[in-house]
N, C-alpha and C. Protein backbone atom coordinates (compact mmCIF):
# COMPACT_ATOMS: atom_id res chain seq x y z
N MET A 1 -0.89 -16.00 9.84
CA MET A 1 -1.29 -14.65 9.40
C MET A 1 -2.62 -14.76 8.66
N GLN A 2 -3.56 -14.00 9.18
CA GLN A 2 -4.94 -14.01 8.59
C GLN A 2 -4.94 -13.62 7.11
N ALA A 3 -4.13 -12.65 6.80
CA ALA A 3 -4.13 -12.14 5.39
C ALA A 3 -3.71 -13.34 4.49
N TYR A 4 -2.68 -14.11 4.86
CA TYR A 4 -2.24 -15.16 3.96
C TYR A 4 -3.37 -16.29 3.90
N ARG A 5 -4.06 -16.54 4.99
CA ARG A 5 -5.17 -17.49 5.00
C ARG A 5 -6.24 -17.02 3.99
N ASP A 6 -6.51 -15.71 4.10
CA ASP A 6 -7.63 -15.11 3.24
C ASP A 6 -7.30 -15.23 1.81
N LEU A 7 -6.07 -15.46 1.35
CA LEU A 7 -5.72 -15.58 -0.01
C LEU A 7 -6.39 -16.86 -0.61
N PHE A 8 -6.52 -17.92 0.22
CA PHE A 8 -6.93 -19.21 -0.32
C PHE A 8 -8.29 -19.69 -0.03
N VAL A 9 -8.99 -19.00 0.86
CA VAL A 9 -10.36 -19.45 1.18
C VAL A 9 -11.33 -19.13 0.04
N THR A 10 -12.43 -19.85 -0.01
CA THR A 10 -13.46 -19.55 -1.05
C THR A 10 -14.13 -18.24 -0.73
N VAL A 11 -14.21 -17.40 -1.65
CA VAL A 11 -14.77 -16.05 -1.48
C VAL A 11 -16.34 -16.18 -1.58
N ARG A 12 -17.00 -15.53 -0.66
CA ARG A 12 -18.49 -15.58 -0.63
C ARG A 12 -18.99 -14.16 -0.87
N THR A 13 -20.22 -14.18 -1.44
CA THR A 13 -20.79 -12.85 -1.68
C THR A 13 -21.56 -12.35 -0.45
N GLU A 14 -21.95 -13.25 0.48
CA GLU A 14 -22.68 -12.86 1.70
C GLU A 14 -21.72 -12.08 2.58
N SER A 15 -22.33 -11.15 3.34
CA SER A 15 -21.48 -10.40 4.29
C SER A 15 -21.76 -11.08 5.69
N ASN A 16 -20.96 -12.01 6.05
CA ASN A 16 -21.09 -12.73 7.27
C ASN A 16 -19.71 -12.92 7.89
N ALA A 17 -19.60 -12.76 9.18
CA ALA A 17 -18.31 -12.81 9.81
C ALA A 17 -17.57 -14.13 9.58
N SER A 18 -18.29 -15.22 9.26
CA SER A 18 -17.58 -16.50 9.04
C SER A 18 -17.12 -16.70 7.62
N PHE A 19 -17.43 -15.78 6.70
CA PHE A 19 -16.98 -15.85 5.37
C PHE A 19 -15.94 -14.84 5.04
N THR A 20 -15.15 -15.09 4.02
CA THR A 20 -14.24 -14.16 3.45
C THR A 20 -14.88 -13.61 2.20
N THR A 21 -15.10 -12.26 2.16
CA THR A 21 -15.65 -11.61 1.01
C THR A 21 -14.59 -11.26 -0.06
N GLN A 22 -14.99 -10.92 -1.19
CA GLN A 22 -14.00 -10.49 -2.25
C GLN A 22 -13.19 -9.30 -1.79
N SER A 23 -13.85 -8.42 -1.06
CA SER A 23 -13.21 -7.20 -0.48
C SER A 23 -12.14 -7.68 0.48
N ASP A 24 -12.45 -8.66 1.36
CA ASP A 24 -11.53 -9.17 2.28
C ASP A 24 -10.25 -9.73 1.63
N GLN A 25 -10.56 -10.55 0.57
CA GLN A 25 -9.42 -11.12 -0.18
C GLN A 25 -8.61 -10.09 -0.86
N ASP A 26 -9.23 -9.14 -1.47
CA ASP A 26 -8.53 -8.05 -2.16
C ASP A 26 -7.66 -7.27 -1.19
N GLN A 27 -8.18 -7.02 -0.01
CA GLN A 27 -7.34 -6.39 1.03
C GLN A 27 -6.15 -7.24 1.43
N ALA A 28 -6.36 -8.53 1.53
CA ALA A 28 -5.20 -9.40 1.87
C ALA A 28 -4.18 -9.33 0.81
N ILE A 29 -4.60 -9.39 -0.46
CA ILE A 29 -3.68 -9.28 -1.57
C ILE A 29 -2.92 -7.99 -1.50
N THR A 30 -3.63 -6.93 -1.29
CA THR A 30 -2.98 -5.59 -1.21
C THR A 30 -1.99 -5.56 -0.05
N PHE A 31 -2.44 -6.02 1.08
CA PHE A 31 -1.57 -5.99 2.30
C PHE A 31 -0.28 -6.74 2.07
N LEU A 32 -0.41 -7.92 1.41
CA LEU A 32 0.77 -8.78 1.27
C LEU A 32 1.63 -8.47 0.06
N THR A 33 1.13 -7.62 -0.84
CA THR A 33 1.93 -7.40 -2.11
C THR A 33 2.33 -5.95 -2.39
N ASP A 34 1.69 -4.97 -1.72
CA ASP A 34 1.96 -3.53 -2.00
C ASP A 34 3.45 -3.22 -1.72
N ARG A 35 3.98 -2.39 -2.59
CA ARG A 35 5.38 -1.97 -2.44
C ARG A 35 5.49 -0.70 -1.54
N ALA A 36 4.42 0.09 -1.50
CA ALA A 36 4.43 1.35 -0.70
C ALA A 36 3.03 1.63 -0.25
N GLY A 37 2.91 2.63 0.66
CA GLY A 37 1.62 3.00 1.14
C GLY A 37 1.29 2.40 2.50
N ALA A 38 0.06 2.66 2.95
CA ALA A 38 -0.37 2.31 4.30
C ALA A 38 -0.28 0.81 4.58
N TYR A 39 -0.79 0.04 3.59
CA TYR A 39 -0.81 -1.42 3.76
C TYR A 39 0.65 -1.94 3.91
N ALA A 40 1.53 -1.48 3.01
CA ALA A 40 2.93 -1.91 3.02
C ALA A 40 3.62 -1.52 4.36
N GLN A 41 3.32 -0.30 4.85
CA GLN A 41 3.90 0.15 6.10
C GLN A 41 3.40 -0.68 7.23
N HIS A 42 2.14 -1.03 7.30
CA HIS A 42 1.55 -1.84 8.37
C HIS A 42 2.16 -3.23 8.32
N ARG A 43 2.21 -3.85 7.10
CA ARG A 43 2.79 -5.18 6.94
C ARG A 43 4.19 -5.22 7.45
N ASN A 44 4.98 -4.19 7.06
CA ASN A 44 6.41 -4.17 7.44
C ASN A 44 6.53 -4.00 8.94
N ALA A 45 5.72 -3.18 9.58
CA ALA A 45 5.73 -3.00 11.05
C ALA A 45 5.38 -4.34 11.74
N LEU A 46 4.36 -5.02 11.33
CA LEU A 46 3.96 -6.32 11.86
C LEU A 46 5.12 -7.36 11.64
N CYS A 47 5.62 -7.42 10.45
CA CYS A 47 6.70 -8.37 10.26
C CYS A 47 7.92 -8.12 11.07
N ALA A 48 8.26 -6.82 11.32
CA ALA A 48 9.43 -6.46 12.16
C ALA A 48 9.25 -6.96 13.60
N LEU A 49 8.07 -7.10 14.02
CA LEU A 49 7.83 -7.58 15.42
C LEU A 49 8.33 -9.01 15.58
N ILE A 50 8.37 -9.80 14.52
CA ILE A 50 8.88 -11.17 14.62
C ILE A 50 10.20 -11.35 13.88
N GLY A 51 10.81 -10.27 13.52
CA GLY A 51 12.13 -10.34 12.87
C GLY A 51 12.12 -10.61 11.39
N TRP A 52 10.99 -10.45 10.76
CA TRP A 52 10.95 -10.60 9.29
C TRP A 52 11.04 -9.31 8.59
N ASP A 53 11.46 -9.33 7.36
CA ASP A 53 11.48 -8.20 6.49
C ASP A 53 10.23 -8.16 5.65
N GLY A 54 9.37 -7.25 5.87
CA GLY A 54 8.08 -7.26 5.16
C GLY A 54 8.19 -7.07 3.69
N ASP A 55 9.20 -6.34 3.24
CA ASP A 55 9.39 -6.18 1.80
C ASP A 55 9.85 -7.48 1.15
N VAL A 56 10.65 -8.28 1.87
CA VAL A 56 11.06 -9.62 1.33
C VAL A 56 9.81 -10.53 1.27
N LEU A 57 9.00 -10.44 2.32
CA LEU A 57 7.70 -11.26 2.28
C LEU A 57 6.88 -10.89 1.04
N ALA A 58 6.73 -9.52 0.86
CA ALA A 58 5.85 -9.06 -0.24
C ALA A 58 6.48 -9.48 -1.62
N ALA A 59 7.78 -9.38 -1.76
CA ALA A 59 8.44 -9.80 -3.00
C ALA A 59 8.17 -11.32 -3.23
N ARG A 60 8.25 -12.13 -2.19
CA ARG A 60 8.02 -13.54 -2.35
C ARG A 60 6.55 -13.81 -2.68
N ILE A 61 5.63 -13.18 -2.08
CA ILE A 61 4.23 -13.32 -2.42
C ILE A 61 3.95 -12.98 -3.88
N ARG A 62 4.52 -11.80 -4.25
CA ARG A 62 4.34 -11.32 -5.68
C ARG A 62 4.93 -12.38 -6.63
N ALA A 63 6.07 -13.01 -6.34
CA ALA A 63 6.67 -14.00 -7.17
C ALA A 63 5.78 -15.24 -7.27
N MET A 64 5.15 -15.56 -6.18
CA MET A 64 4.22 -16.74 -6.17
C MET A 64 2.99 -16.40 -6.99
N MET A 65 2.52 -15.17 -6.84
CA MET A 65 1.36 -14.74 -7.65
C MET A 65 1.65 -14.81 -9.13
N ASP A 66 2.89 -14.56 -9.51
CA ASP A 66 3.27 -14.56 -10.88
C ASP A 66 3.77 -15.91 -11.40
N GLY A 67 3.65 -16.94 -10.58
CA GLY A 67 3.98 -18.30 -11.08
C GLY A 67 4.92 -19.19 -10.22
N ASP A 68 5.66 -18.57 -9.27
CA ASP A 68 6.40 -19.46 -8.39
C ASP A 68 5.46 -20.36 -7.54
N ASN A 69 5.98 -21.40 -7.00
CA ASN A 69 5.18 -22.41 -6.33
C ASN A 69 4.64 -21.93 -4.99
N PHE A 70 3.27 -22.04 -4.81
CA PHE A 70 2.65 -21.83 -3.52
C PHE A 70 2.57 -23.24 -2.93
N ALA A 71 3.37 -23.48 -1.89
CA ALA A 71 3.42 -24.82 -1.26
C ALA A 71 2.00 -25.12 -0.62
N PRO A 72 1.61 -26.37 -0.58
CA PRO A 72 0.35 -26.69 0.08
C PRO A 72 0.46 -26.27 1.62
N PRO A 73 -0.65 -26.10 2.20
CA PRO A 73 -0.67 -25.57 3.59
C PRO A 73 0.02 -26.47 4.64
N THR A 74 0.23 -27.74 4.34
CA THR A 74 0.81 -28.66 5.24
C THR A 74 1.63 -29.69 4.45
N PRO A 75 2.80 -30.04 4.93
CA PRO A 75 3.67 -30.96 4.20
C PRO A 75 3.09 -32.34 4.01
N ASP A 76 2.19 -32.77 4.85
CA ASP A 76 1.55 -34.02 4.75
C ASP A 76 0.15 -34.03 4.21
N ALA A 77 -0.03 -33.03 3.23
CA ALA A 77 -1.39 -32.85 2.68
C ALA A 77 -1.85 -34.11 1.90
N THR A 78 -3.13 -34.38 1.97
CA THR A 78 -3.68 -35.51 1.23
C THR A 78 -3.82 -35.09 -0.27
N PRO A 79 -3.99 -36.02 -1.19
CA PRO A 79 -4.19 -35.63 -2.58
C PRO A 79 -5.39 -34.72 -2.74
N ALA A 80 -6.46 -34.87 -2.04
CA ALA A 80 -7.62 -34.03 -2.17
C ALA A 80 -7.27 -32.57 -1.69
N THR A 81 -6.47 -32.49 -0.63
CA THR A 81 -6.09 -31.17 -0.14
C THR A 81 -5.19 -30.51 -1.13
N VAL A 82 -4.26 -31.17 -1.70
CA VAL A 82 -3.37 -30.64 -2.69
C VAL A 82 -4.19 -30.15 -3.92
N GLU A 83 -5.24 -30.89 -4.33
CA GLU A 83 -6.09 -30.54 -5.48
C GLU A 83 -6.86 -29.29 -5.15
N ARG A 84 -7.42 -29.21 -3.98
CA ARG A 84 -8.15 -28.00 -3.54
C ARG A 84 -7.23 -26.78 -3.48
N HIS A 85 -6.04 -27.01 -3.00
CA HIS A 85 -5.07 -25.89 -2.89
C HIS A 85 -4.66 -25.42 -4.27
N ALA A 86 -4.51 -26.33 -5.24
CA ALA A 86 -4.12 -25.94 -6.60
C ALA A 86 -5.21 -25.10 -7.27
N ALA A 87 -6.47 -25.51 -7.01
CA ALA A 87 -7.64 -24.75 -7.52
C ALA A 87 -7.68 -23.37 -6.84
N ALA A 88 -7.43 -23.29 -5.56
CA ALA A 88 -7.44 -22.00 -4.89
C ALA A 88 -6.35 -21.10 -5.43
N VAL A 89 -5.16 -21.64 -5.66
CA VAL A 89 -4.02 -20.86 -6.24
C VAL A 89 -4.41 -20.31 -7.59
N GLU A 90 -5.03 -21.13 -8.43
CA GLU A 90 -5.50 -20.68 -9.72
C GLU A 90 -6.42 -19.54 -9.68
N ARG A 91 -7.45 -19.61 -8.78
CA ARG A 91 -8.43 -18.52 -8.61
C ARG A 91 -7.72 -17.30 -8.04
N LEU A 92 -6.80 -17.47 -7.13
CA LEU A 92 -6.03 -16.38 -6.54
C LEU A 92 -5.21 -15.65 -7.56
N ARG A 93 -4.53 -16.39 -8.42
CA ARG A 93 -3.72 -15.72 -9.47
C ARG A 93 -4.56 -14.96 -10.47
N GLU A 94 -5.75 -15.51 -10.78
CA GLU A 94 -6.65 -14.79 -11.67
C GLU A 94 -7.09 -13.46 -11.04
N ARG A 95 -7.34 -13.45 -9.74
CA ARG A 95 -7.77 -12.26 -9.06
C ARG A 95 -6.60 -11.27 -9.06
N TRP A 96 -5.37 -11.77 -8.74
CA TRP A 96 -4.19 -10.95 -8.68
C TRP A 96 -3.95 -10.17 -9.95
N HIS A 97 -4.10 -10.92 -11.10
CA HIS A 97 -3.90 -10.28 -12.39
C HIS A 97 -5.02 -9.30 -12.69
N THR A 98 -6.21 -9.53 -12.22
CA THR A 98 -7.33 -8.64 -12.44
C THR A 98 -7.02 -7.31 -11.64
N LEU A 99 -6.55 -7.44 -10.39
CA LEU A 99 -6.26 -6.26 -9.59
C LEU A 99 -5.02 -5.52 -10.07
N LYS A 100 -4.05 -6.27 -10.60
CA LYS A 100 -2.82 -5.71 -11.05
C LYS A 100 -2.99 -4.94 -12.38
N ASN A 101 -3.99 -5.35 -13.23
CA ASN A 101 -4.18 -4.73 -14.55
C ASN A 101 -5.62 -4.32 -14.70
N PRO A 102 -6.10 -3.40 -13.87
CA PRO A 102 -7.51 -3.06 -13.87
C PRO A 102 -7.98 -2.44 -15.24
N ARG A 103 -7.16 -1.57 -15.82
CA ARG A 103 -7.53 -0.95 -17.09
C ARG A 103 -7.61 -1.98 -18.21
N HIS A 104 -6.68 -2.81 -18.30
CA HIS A 104 -6.70 -3.87 -19.31
C HIS A 104 -7.92 -4.78 -19.20
N ASN A 105 -8.26 -5.15 -17.95
CA ASN A 105 -9.41 -6.03 -17.71
C ASN A 105 -10.77 -5.34 -18.05
N ARG A 106 -10.88 -4.02 -17.89
CA ARG A 106 -12.10 -3.34 -18.19
C ARG A 106 -12.30 -3.26 -19.71
N ALA A 107 -11.17 -3.12 -20.44
CA ALA A 107 -11.28 -2.99 -21.89
C ALA A 107 -11.63 -4.33 -22.53
N ALA A 108 -11.35 -5.43 -21.93
CA ALA A 108 -11.55 -6.72 -22.46
C ALA A 108 -12.99 -7.11 -22.60
């Protein structure tokens, strides 16, 4: 799933088809975590095509955003891959909390 991949790539400020922008990542976060609305409906429809429950997927992603383990992308990941993944997860969680609490973050 492209949206899941977009969670972990390095965000670039350039607008280039080979980069993931902050807007792309924010859309991926919204698509994968929203409880209702157009993104949630689209996620659920796509998940239904392969027999998944999109709401269960979203709940699992939200739990990982809030601290549950995000497994490395491959079971035989090298130590360097695991380290890069951990750094990406940390950046992702910071962005999740920023998006989840926009008023609190503006006041800070």
